[in-house]
C-alpha atoms as a PDB file:
ATOM      1  CA  MET A   1     108.631  99.677 160.747  1.00  0.00           C
ATOM      2  CA  PRO A   2     109.807  96.118 160.607  1.00  0.00           C
ATOM      3  CA  SER A   3     113.501  95.358 161.299  1.00  0.00           C
ATOM      4  CA  ASP A   4     114.658  94.634 157.875  1.00  0.00           C
ATOM      5  CA  PRO A   5     112.682  96.556 155.003  1.00  0.00           C
ATOM      6  CA  LYS A   6     114.225  95.379 152.582  1.00  0.00           C
ATOM      7  CA  GLN A   7     113.715  91.497 153.358  1.00  0.00           C
ATOM      8  CA  THR A   8     110.066  92.357 154.602  1.00  0.00           C
ATOM      9  CA  ILE A   9     109.524  93.672 150.863  1.00  0.00           C
ATOM     10  CA  LEU A  10     111.211  90.788 149.239  1.00  0.00           C
ATOM     11  CA  ASN A  11     109.156  88.050 151.350  1.00  0.00           C
ATOM     12  CA  PHE A  12     106.418  89.857 149.594  1.00  0.00           C
ATOM     13  CA  LEU A  13     107.438  89.590 146.656  1.00  0.00           C
ATOM     14  CA  ASN A  14     108.556  85.948 146.550  1.00  0.00           C
ATOM     15  CA  ASP A  15     105.722  84.625 148.742  1.00  0.00           C
ATOM     16  CA  ARG A  16     102.481  86.875 148.116  1.00  0.00           C
ATOM     17  CA  LEU A  17     103.086  87.710 144.363  1.00  0.00           C
ATOM     18  CA  SER A  18     104.738  84.338 144.063  1.00  0.00           C
ATOM     19  CA  LYS A  19     107.893  86.456 141.970  1.00  0.00           C
ATOM     20  CA  ASP A  20     110.892  85.119 141.952  1.00  0.00           C
ATOM     21  CA  VAL A  21     112.835  88.527 142.928  1.00  0.00           C
ATOM     22  CA  GLN A  22     116.770  87.450 144.514  1.00  0.00           C
ATOM     23  CA  GLU A  23     118.398  91.406 144.053  1.00  0.00           C
ATOM     24  CA  THR A  24     117.282  94.527 145.944  1.00  0.00           C
ATOM     25  CA  SER A  25     118.501  96.156 142.604  1.00  0.00           C
ATOM     26  CA  GLN A  26     116.180  93.839 140.355  1.00  0.00           C
ATOM     27  CA  SER A  27     113.790  96.024 138.535  1.00  0.00           C
ATOM     28  CA  LEU A  28     109.982  95.662 139.149  1.00  0.00           C
ATOM     29  CA  VAL A  29     108.364  97.905 137.113  1.00  0.00           C
ATOM     30  CA  LYS A  30     110.228  98.536 134.036  1.00  0.00           C
ATOM     31  CA  SER A  31     111.139  95.065 133.285  1.00  0.00           C
ATOM     32  CA  GLY A  32     107.687  93.990 133.449  1.00  0.00           C
ATOM     33  CA  LEU A  33     108.335  91.861 136.196  1.00  0.00           C
ATOM     34  CA  LEU A  34     104.953  93.233 138.291  1.00  0.00           C
ATOM     35  CA  ASP A  35     101.819  94.287 136.589  1.00  0.00           C
ATOM     36  CA  SER A  36      99.463  96.948 137.168  1.00  0.00           C
ATOM     37  CA  PHE A  37      97.534  95.111 139.751  1.00  0.00           C
ATOM     38  CA  GLN A  38     100.288  93.597 141.386  1.00  0.00           C
ATOM     39  CA  ILE A  39     102.020  97.226 141.913  1.00  0.00           C
ATOM     40  CA  LEU A  40      98.835  98.399 143.467  1.00  0.00           C
ATOM     41  CA  GLU A  41      99.070  95.591 145.744  1.00  0.00           C
ATOM     42  CA  MET A  42     102.318  96.056 146.834  1.00  0.00           C
ATOM     43  CA  ILE A  43     101.643  99.772 147.363  1.00  0.00           C
ATOM     44  CA  ASP A  44      99.144  98.566 149.831  1.00  0.00           C
ATOM     45  CA  PHE A  45     100.858  96.343 151.741  1.00  0.00           C
ATOM     46  CA  ILE A  46     103.963  99.011 151.918  1.00  0.00           C
ATOM     47  CA  GLU A  47     101.739 101.531 153.238  1.00  0.00           C
ATOM     48  CA  SER A  48     100.262  99.077 155.756  1.00  0.00           C
ATOM     49  CA  GLN A  49     103.274  97.170 156.850  1.00  0.00           C
ATOM     50  CA  PHE A  50     105.081 100.433 157.563  1.00  0.00           C
ATOM     51  CA  ASN A  51     102.261 102.092 158.826  1.00  0.00           C
ATOM     52  CA  VAL A  52     102.954 105.185 155.878  1.00  0.00           C
ATOM     53  CA  VAL A  53     101.344 106.664 153.230  1.00  0.00           C
ATOM     54  CA  LEU A  54     103.034 107.048 150.224  1.00  0.00           C
ATOM     55  CA  GLN A  55     102.047 110.655 148.448  1.00  0.00           C
ATOM     56  CA  GLU A  56     101.272 110.489 144.453  1.00  0.00           C
ATOM     57  CA  ASN A  57     104.505 112.368 143.412  1.00  0.00           C
ATOM     58  CA  ASP A  58     106.192 109.146 144.949  1.00  0.00           C
ATOM     59  CA  LEU A  59     104.082 106.516 142.915  1.00  0.00           C
ATOM     60  CA  ASN A  60     106.494 106.779 140.143  1.00  0.00           C
ATOM     61  CA  GLU A  61     108.470 104.066 138.099  1.00  0.00           C
ATOM     62  CA  ASP A  62     112.082 105.142 139.639  1.00  0.00           C
ATOM     63  CA  HIS A  63     110.607 104.879 143.351  1.00  0.00           C
ATOM     64  CA  LEU A  64     108.984 101.547 142.434  1.00  0.00           C
ATOM     65  CA  ASP A  65     111.016  99.880 140.277  1.00  0.00           C
ATOM     66  CA  SER A  66     113.237  98.080 142.899  1.00  0.00           C
ATOM     67  CA  VAL A  67     113.838  96.777 146.184  1.00  0.00           C
ATOM     68  CA  ASP A  68     116.357  99.033 146.880  1.00  0.00           C
ATOM     69  CA  SER A  69     114.390 102.097 145.383  1.00  0.00           C
ATOM     70  CA  LEU A  70     111.350 101.407 147.824  1.00  0.00           C
ATOM     71  CA  VAL A  71     113.296 101.147 151.005  1.00  0.00           C
ATOM     72  CA  SER A  72     114.761 104.434 150.210  1.00  0.00           C
ATOM     73  CA  LEU A  73     111.507 106.172 149.393  1.00  0.00           C
ATOM     74  CA  LEU A  74     110.397 104.530 152.707  1.00  0.00           C
ATOM     75  CA  GLU A  75     113.296 106.262 154.780  1.00  0.00           C
ATOM     76  CA  ARG A  76     112.357 109.647 152.862  1.00  0.00           C
ATOM     77  CA  THR A  77     108.726 109.198 153.779  1.00  0.00           C
ATOM     78  CA  ALA A  78     109.842 108.182 157.377  1.00  0.00           C
ATOM     79  CA  LYS A  79     111.852 111.857 158.427  1.00  0.00           C
ATOM     80  CA  ASN A  80     108.708 113.929 157.046  1.00  0.00           C
END
C-alpha cells in the first residue's frame, strides 16, 4: 500500500480525472463531482493501487463520497 493513501487518491482525482479536489472531506459523489464512469474508474484505481478487493456492500455513497471516507474504507478492508 502506498505510504500516503490520502495523497495517492487526491493525485488520482486531480491528475487522472482532472478534478479540483483540495480537501479530503470534499464530497465526490453526493455533490455530483464524479459521474458514474469516473466512480468506476476510481474504484478500479483503488483496487489495483492498494491491492484490495472492495465488496459490493462497500460500494455505496457513504464509503465513496470523500477521500477521507475512502481511506477509512481502505483501512477497514486491510484489516480483514
